[in-house]
Amino acid sequence: MIHIVTHANRDLYADELLQAHRQRREAFVEQRGWPLSVREDGGEYDEGDDERAIYFLAIDKAGQVEASMRARPTDDFCVVADVFPHFLADGPASAKAPDVWEIARWVAVGRTRGPEGFNRRGELRLAVIEQALACGVRKIVGMTDLYLLGPAMRSGWRVKPIGIPADYGQGQGVAVEVEVSEGAVVELRERLALDRSPRLHIQPGHPLQALPKPEIEAFAETYDQSASDISHFLRTVVRRVAEIETAEGEEAAVRLLADALDIVRASSRLDA
């Protein structure tokens, strides 16, 4: 699943966001030599990392971030429009509006970078356009290295260049637009063989928020798959509670059971 992190629930993801910012430093500053700002915590940040930023995080079973991306409305700040306006054939105004998002700082690490990570990266791409569609966004813009344009167009996104390739100081780049539509969502879901959304949006105050992120994913997936059969869901929960009791003790099992029952009563707070 792909975790959606906004200003409202950012406190729940402090550790994961720090991981993502540090991975950005490693990818862009150390490996590629981009002259970007690095803070004392070891993470890379720019003007877009503010209260309007939306982060999409792929988290593995060990709780480690394996891929991330930032999206943000472009009306007050947009990297391609404000820093590289000459990349846009129709000028910077064409990319700046409250219903236009810019994606930036895509990072994938480890096995998620290679061919075996295609579907995992695809889940992140799908989560981005699904969330954009749900928020009334009409298009997504961004910049990519020219050599990555081909792979991006074969990734499952409906991508098109919206300017002439140009030098950005550390390579050749091109501005792109990603289509946001029901058709784009359906097409990518079919390509990934997914019959449900990969998004996981933990709202503040959700009864499961204190659990490790992989545990939250497991409960969300079980609930989603068993929504039409609550008895099956509860049987699955009972088995998991028994495992937790054996491994961690009775108190941990009781807490997990209480949280599982709460998710049934309060599942509307978890928008997956």
Protein backbone atom coordinates (compact mmCIF):
# COMPACT_ATOMS: atom_id res chain seq x y z
CA MET A 1 0.00 0.00 0.00
CA ILE A 2 1.00 3.64 -0.39
CA HIS A 3 0.76 5.95 2.60
CA ILE A 4 -0.59 9.45 2.01
CA VAL A 5 0.98 12.05 4.29
CA THR A 6 -0.49 15.54 4.57
CA HIS A 7 -0.04 18.40 7.00
CA ALA A 8 -2.88 16.94 9.09
CA ASN A 9 -1.28 13.55 9.75
CA ARG A 10 2.40 14.42 9.34
CA ASP A 11 3.18 13.89 13.03
CA LEU A 12 2.34 10.20 12.59
CA TYR A 13 5.11 9.86 9.99
CA ALA A 14 8.02 11.80 11.50
CA ASP A 15 10.45 8.87 11.25
CA GLU A 16 9.37 7.84 7.75
CA LEU A 17 9.54 11.40 6.42
CA LEU A 18 13.03 11.83 7.82
CA GLN A 19 14.03 8.63 6.03
CA ALA A 20 12.59 9.99 2.79
CA HIS A 21 14.39 13.34 3.13
CA ARG A 22 17.68 11.58 3.84
CA GLN A 23 17.17 9.34 0.82
CA ARG A 24 16.64 12.50 -1.23
CA ARG A 25 19.98 13.83 0.01
CA GLU A 26 21.72 10.59 -0.94
CA ALA A 27 20.07 10.43 -4.38
CA PHE A 28 20.26 14.05 -5.47
CA VAL A 29 23.07 15.69 -3.51
CA GLU A 30 25.57 12.87 -2.96
CA GLN A 31 25.00 10.70 -6.03
CA ARG A 32 24.02 13.33 -8.61
CA GLY A 33 25.77 16.38 -7.23
CA TRP A 34 22.78 18.73 -7.27
CA PRO A 35 23.38 21.95 -5.27
CA LEU A 36 20.45 21.50 -2.88
CA SER A 37 19.88 22.47 0.75
CA VAL A 38 20.67 19.86 3.42
CA ARG A 39 19.55 20.42 7.02
CA GLU A 40 21.23 19.36 10.24
CA ASP A 41 19.03 16.25 10.41
CA GLY A 42 20.68 15.01 7.21
CA GLY A 43 17.66 15.49 4.96
CA GLU A 44 17.28 17.45 1.73
CA TYR A 45 14.51 20.07 1.73
CA ASP A 46 13.31 22.89 -0.52
CA GLU A 47 10.56 25.52 -0.57
CA GLY A 48 7.99 22.91 -1.54
CA ASP A 49 8.36 21.00 1.72
CA ASP A 50 5.76 23.05 3.57
CA GLU A 51 2.26 22.62 4.97
CA ARG A 52 0.76 22.19 1.47
CA ALA A 53 3.03 19.30 0.51
CA ILE A 54 1.53 15.83 0.12
CA TYR A 55 3.95 12.92 0.42
CA PHE A 56 3.40 9.46 -1.01
CA LEU A 57 5.41 6.77 0.80
CA ALA A 58 5.94 3.11 -0.03
CA ILE A 59 6.97 1.39 3.20
CA ASP A 60 8.32 -2.17 3.34
CA LYS A 61 7.51 -4.88 5.88
CA ALA A 62 10.40 -3.78 8.08
CA GLY A 63 9.00 -0.26 8.29
CA GLN A 64 11.61 1.23 5.94
CA VAL A 65 10.73 3.70 3.19
CA GLU A 66 11.47 2.14 -0.19
CA ALA A 67 10.03 4.83 -2.47
CA SER A 68 8.63 8.33 -2.07
CA MET A 69 7.33 11.28 -4.03
CA ARG A 70 6.05 14.76 -3.21
CA ALA A 71 3.03 16.42 -4.79
CA ARG A 72 1.92 19.99 -4.23
CA PRO A 73 -0.48 22.62 -5.66
CA THR A 74 1.41 24.95 -8.00
CA ASP A 75 -0.39 28.27 -7.53
CA ASP A 76 2.16 29.68 -5.06
CA PHE A 77 5.28 27.60 -5.76
CA CYS A 78 6.27 25.34 -8.64
CA VAL A 79 9.81 24.19 -9.40
CA VAL A 80 9.37 23.96 -13.15
CA ALA A 81 7.42 27.23 -13.47
CA ASP A 82 9.38 29.31 -10.97
CA VAL A 83 12.92 27.95 -11.40
CA PHE A 84 12.88 26.63 -14.98
CA PRO A 85 10.10 28.60 -16.76
CA HIS A 86 11.89 28.28 -20.12
CA PHE A 87 11.12 24.54 -20.01
CA LEU A 88 7.40 25.26 -20.53
CA ALA A 89 6.32 25.80 -24.14
CA ASP A 90 3.18 27.70 -23.07
CA GLY A 91 4.92 29.73 -20.38
CA PRO A 92 4.93 29.45 -16.58
CA ALA A 93 1.29 30.50 -16.20
CA SER A 94 0.23 27.27 -17.93
CA ALA A 95 1.54 25.26 -14.97
CA LYS A 96 0.34 27.43 -12.07
CA ALA A 97 -3.15 26.98 -10.62
CA PRO A 98 -4.72 25.64 -7.41
CA ASP A 99 -6.09 22.65 -9.34
CA VAL A 100 -2.70 21.75 -10.83
CA TRP A 101 -0.20 19.65 -8.87
CA GLU A 102 3.53 19.38 -9.36
CA ILE A 103 5.30 16.13 -8.56
CA ALA A 104 8.92 16.26 -7.48
CA ARG A 105 11.67 14.45 -5.59
CA TRP A 106 10.83 10.93 -6.75
CA VAL A 107 13.16 8.46 -5.02
CA ALA A 108 13.24 4.65 -5.05
CA VAL A 109 15.86 2.65 -3.18
CA GLY A 110 17.13 -0.93 -3.12
CA ARG A 111 15.19 -3.52 -5.07
CA THR A 112 12.39 -1.03 -5.69
CA ARG A 113 14.68 0.71 -8.21
CA GLY A 114 15.16 -2.31 -10.47
CA PRO A 115 12.89 -4.30 -12.79
CA GLU A 116 11.45 -6.29 -9.87
CA GLY A 117 10.25 -3.03 -8.36
CA PHE A 118 8.10 -2.05 -11.36
CA ASN A 119 4.79 -2.93 -9.72
CA ARG A 120 5.75 -1.29 -6.42
CA ARG A 121 6.64 1.92 -8.24
CA GLY A 122 3.41 1.50 -10.20
CA GLU A 123 1.41 1.46 -6.97
CA LEU A 124 2.95 4.80 -6.06
CA ARG A 125 2.14 6.24 -9.49
CA LEU A 126 -1.43 4.99 -9.18
CA ALA A 127 -1.84 6.43 -5.70
CA VAL A 128 -0.72 9.84 -6.92
CA ILE A 129 -3.23 10.09 -9.78
CA GLU A 130 -6.03 8.58 -7.68
CA GLN A 131 -5.46 11.12 -4.93
CA ALA A 132 -5.19 13.94 -7.45
CA LEU A 133 -8.49 12.90 -9.00
CA ALA A 134 -10.14 12.70 -5.59
CA CYS A 135 -8.90 16.24 -4.81
CA GLY A 136 -10.27 17.74 -8.02
CA VAL A 137 -6.88 18.17 -9.68
CA ARG A 138 -7.10 18.49 -13.47
CA LYS A 139 -3.46 17.78 -14.35
CA ILE A 140 -0.04 17.08 -12.86
CA VAL A 141 3.17 18.69 -14.07
CA GLY A 142 6.80 18.01 -13.34
CA MET A 143 10.31 17.76 -14.70
CA THR A 144 12.30 14.68 -15.56
CA ASP A 145 15.69 13.94 -16.98
CA LEU A 146 15.48 13.49 -20.72
CA TYR A 147 16.82 9.94 -20.55
CA LEU A 148 13.96 9.03 -18.19
CA LEU A 149 11.20 10.35 -20.48
CA GLY A 150 10.91 7.07 -22.38
CA PRO A 151 10.64 4.91 -19.25
CA ALA A 152 8.12 7.38 -17.81
CA MET A 153 5.94 7.07 -20.92
CA ARG A 154 6.08 3.27 -20.61
CA SER A 155 5.41 3.29 -16.85
CA GLY A 156 1.63 3.21 -17.02
CA TRP A 157 1.15 6.92 -16.56
CA ARG A 158 -0.27 8.90 -19.46
CA VAL A 159 2.68 11.26 -19.82
CA LYS A 160 3.48 13.85 -22.47
CA PRO A 161 6.25 16.46 -22.83
CA ILE A 162 5.06 20.07 -22.56
CA GLY A 163 8.24 21.80 -23.61
CA ILE A 164 11.52 21.49 -25.43
CA PRO A 165 14.34 19.60 -23.68
CA ALA A 166 16.96 21.93 -22.19
CA ASP A 167 19.99 21.92 -19.92
CA TYR A 168 19.23 22.46 -16.21
CA GLY A 169 22.80 22.55 -14.97
CA GLN A 170 23.24 18.89 -14.02
CA GLY A 171 21.85 17.31 -17.19
CA GLN A 172 19.22 17.52 -19.89
CA GLY A 173 15.65 17.79 -18.64
CA VAL A 174 12.14 18.13 -20.02
CA ALA A 175 8.86 19.35 -18.56
CA VAL A 176 6.04 16.81 -18.60
CA GLU A 177 2.33 16.56 -17.90
CA VAL A 178 0.65 13.53 -16.32
CA GLU A 179 -3.01 12.98 -17.14
CA VAL A 180 -5.46 12.89 -14.24
CA SER A 181 -8.66 11.09 -15.25
CA GLU A 182 -10.83 8.08 -14.48
CA GLY A 183 -9.55 6.47 -17.64
CA ALA A 184 -5.93 6.92 -16.56
CA VAL A 185 -6.71 5.31 -13.19
CA VAL A 186 -8.54 2.35 -14.73
CA GLU A 187 -5.78 1.75 -17.26
CA LEU A 188 -3.04 1.72 -14.65
CA ARG A 189 -5.02 -0.49 -12.28
CA GLU A 190 -5.50 -3.00 -15.09
CA ARG A 191 -1.82 -2.91 -15.95
CA LEU A 192 -0.89 -3.57 -12.32
CA ALA A 193 -3.66 -6.19 -11.95
CA LEU A 194 -5.12 -4.30 -8.97
CA ASP A 195 -8.83 -4.39 -8.18
CA ARG A 196 -8.67 -1.78 -5.41
CA SER A 197 -6.88 1.40 -4.52
CA PRO A 198 -3.37 1.13 -3.04
CA ARG A 199 -3.89 4.32 -1.00
CA LEU A 200 -3.73 4.27 2.77
CA HIS A 201 -4.65 7.54 4.47
CA ILE A 202 -4.47 7.34 8.26
CA GLN A 203 -6.46 10.19 9.72
CA PRO A 204 -5.37 11.73 13.03
CA GLY A 205 -7.01 10.00 15.96
CA HIS A 206 -7.45 6.67 14.19
CA PRO A 207 -7.34 3.82 16.73
CA LEU A 208 -4.53 2.05 14.85
CA GLN A 209 -2.26 5.05 14.46
CA ALA A 210 0.19 3.90 17.14
CA LEU A 211 0.87 0.56 15.45
CA PRO A 212 3.90 0.04 13.18
CA LYS A 213 3.02 1.00 9.59
CA PRO A 214 3.29 -2.59 8.25
CA GLU A 215 0.76 -3.73 10.89
CA ILE A 216 -1.63 -0.96 9.86
CA GLU A 217 -1.27 -2.04 6.23
CA ALA A 218 -2.05 -5.64 7.17
CA PHE A 219 -5.23 -4.67 9.00
CA ALA A 220 -6.33 -2.31 6.23
CA GLU A 221 -5.83 -4.95 3.56
CA THR A 222 -7.65 -7.58 5.61
CA TYR A 223 -10.56 -5.26 6.32
CA ASP A 224 -10.76 -4.17 2.69
CA GLN A 225 -10.74 -7.72 1.39
CA SER A 226 -13.28 -8.88 3.98
CA ALA A 227 -15.60 -5.88 4.14
CA SER A 228 -18.50 -7.95 2.86
CA ASP A 229 -17.84 -10.69 5.43
CA ILE A 230 -17.13 -9.17 8.83
CA SER A 231 -17.05 -12.59 10.46
CA HIS A 232 -14.14 -13.59 8.23
CA PHE A 233 -12.38 -10.36 9.16
CA LEU A 234 -12.82 -11.05 12.86
CA ARG A 235 -11.59 -14.65 12.50
CA THR A 236 -8.47 -13.31 10.82
CA VAL A 237 -8.04 -10.82 13.64
CA VAL A 238 -8.39 -13.55 16.26
CA ARG A 239 -5.64 -15.59 14.59
CA ARG A 240 -3.38 -12.53 14.51
CA VAL A 241 -4.13 -11.74 18.15
CA ALA A 242 -3.12 -15.29 19.08
CA GLU A 243 0.18 -14.84 17.24
CA ILE A 244 0.83 -11.55 19.02
CA GLU A 245 0.01 -13.10 22.41
CA THR A 246 2.53 -15.87 21.80
CA ALA A 247 5.23 -13.49 20.60
CA GLU A 248 4.67 -10.40 22.75
CA GLY A 249 2.39 -11.34 25.62
CA GLU A 250 -1.21 -10.95 26.74
CA GLU A 251 -1.21 -7.16 27.14
CA ALA A 252 -0.03 -6.61 23.57
CA ALA A 253 -2.68 -9.03 22.31
CA VAL A 254 -5.45 -7.24 24.22
CA ARG A 255 -4.37 -3.89 22.83
CA LEU A 256 -4.34 -5.27 19.31
CA LEU A 257 -7.79 -6.80 19.71
CA ALA A 258 -9.20 -3.52 21.02
CA ASP A 259 -7.67 -1.66 18.08
CA ALA A 260 -9.07 -4.20 15.61
CA LEU A 261 -12.58 -3.80 16.99
CA ASP A 262 -12.19 -0.03 16.84
CA ILE A 263 -11.30 -0.18 13.16
CA VAL A 264 -14.63 -1.83 12.46
CA ARG A 265 -16.44 0.94 14.33
CA ALA A 266 -14.29 3.76 13.00
CA SER A 267 -13.20 2.51 9.57
CA SER A 268 -14.36 5.72 7.90
CA ARG A 269 -11.37 7.49 9.43
CA LEU A 270 -9.00 5.28 7.42
CA ASP A 271 -9.45 6.28 3.82
CA ALA A 272 -7.74 3.52 1.85
